[in-house]
Protein backbone atom coordinates (compact mmCIF):
# COMPACT_ATOMS: atom_id res chain seq x y z
CA MET A 1 209.15 -135.34 -65.93
CA SER A 2 212.66 -136.34 -65.23
CA TYR A 3 215.83 -136.83 -67.66
CA LEU A 4 218.77 -138.57 -65.91
CA VAL A 5 222.37 -138.47 -67.32
CA ALA A 6 224.40 -141.11 -67.82
CA LEU A 7 228.47 -140.50 -68.56
CA PRO A 8 229.90 -143.67 -69.79
CA GLU A 9 233.06 -142.16 -67.55
CA VAL A 10 231.15 -141.02 -64.87
CA MET A 11 230.11 -145.05 -65.30
CA SER A 12 232.94 -146.31 -65.51
CA THR A 13 234.40 -145.63 -62.30
CA ALA A 14 231.59 -146.07 -60.16
CA ALA A 15 231.70 -149.62 -61.53
CA THR A 16 235.09 -149.88 -60.68
CA ASP A 17 234.59 -148.57 -57.43
CA VAL A 18 231.99 -151.34 -56.65
CA ALA A 19 234.92 -154.25 -57.80
CA SER A 20 237.14 -152.96 -55.62
CA ILE A 21 234.66 -152.98 -52.42
CA GLY A 22 233.51 -156.49 -53.84
CA ALA A 23 237.45 -157.58 -53.62
CA ALA A 24 237.42 -155.68 -49.98
CA VAL A 25 234.00 -157.64 -49.25
CA ALA A 26 235.38 -160.07 -50.00
CA SER A 27 238.89 -160.56 -48.46
CA ALA A 28 237.51 -159.37 -45.14
CA ASN A 29 235.06 -162.16 -45.04
CA GLN A 30 237.86 -165.59 -46.05
CA GLY A 31 239.86 -163.77 -43.22
CA ALA A 32 236.60 -164.17 -40.29
CA ALA A 33 235.81 -167.61 -41.63
CA SER A 34 238.93 -169.15 -41.33
CA ALA A 35 239.09 -167.25 -37.60
CA THR A 36 235.30 -168.24 -36.76
CA THR A 37 235.58 -171.80 -38.40
CA ALA A 38 238.51 -172.44 -35.60
CA VAL A 39 236.70 -171.13 -32.47
CA LEU A 40 235.24 -174.49 -30.78
CA THR A 41 231.78 -175.06 -29.47
CA PRO A 42 231.85 -174.36 -24.97
CA THR A 43 231.40 -178.63 -23.61
CA PRO A 44 228.41 -178.37 -21.32
CA GLN A 45 229.83 -178.38 -17.59
CA LEU A 46 228.23 -180.76 -15.22
């Protein structure tokens, strides 16, 4: 039989870490979105 022990302090720390990772990803996504929306599609050369 398996047992799982979840300490509140450890869970709180993990939740904080995940939230900070999410904030970093959101910030990077916003920076990439503004950079990539400025890229124009190339015009076909005849």
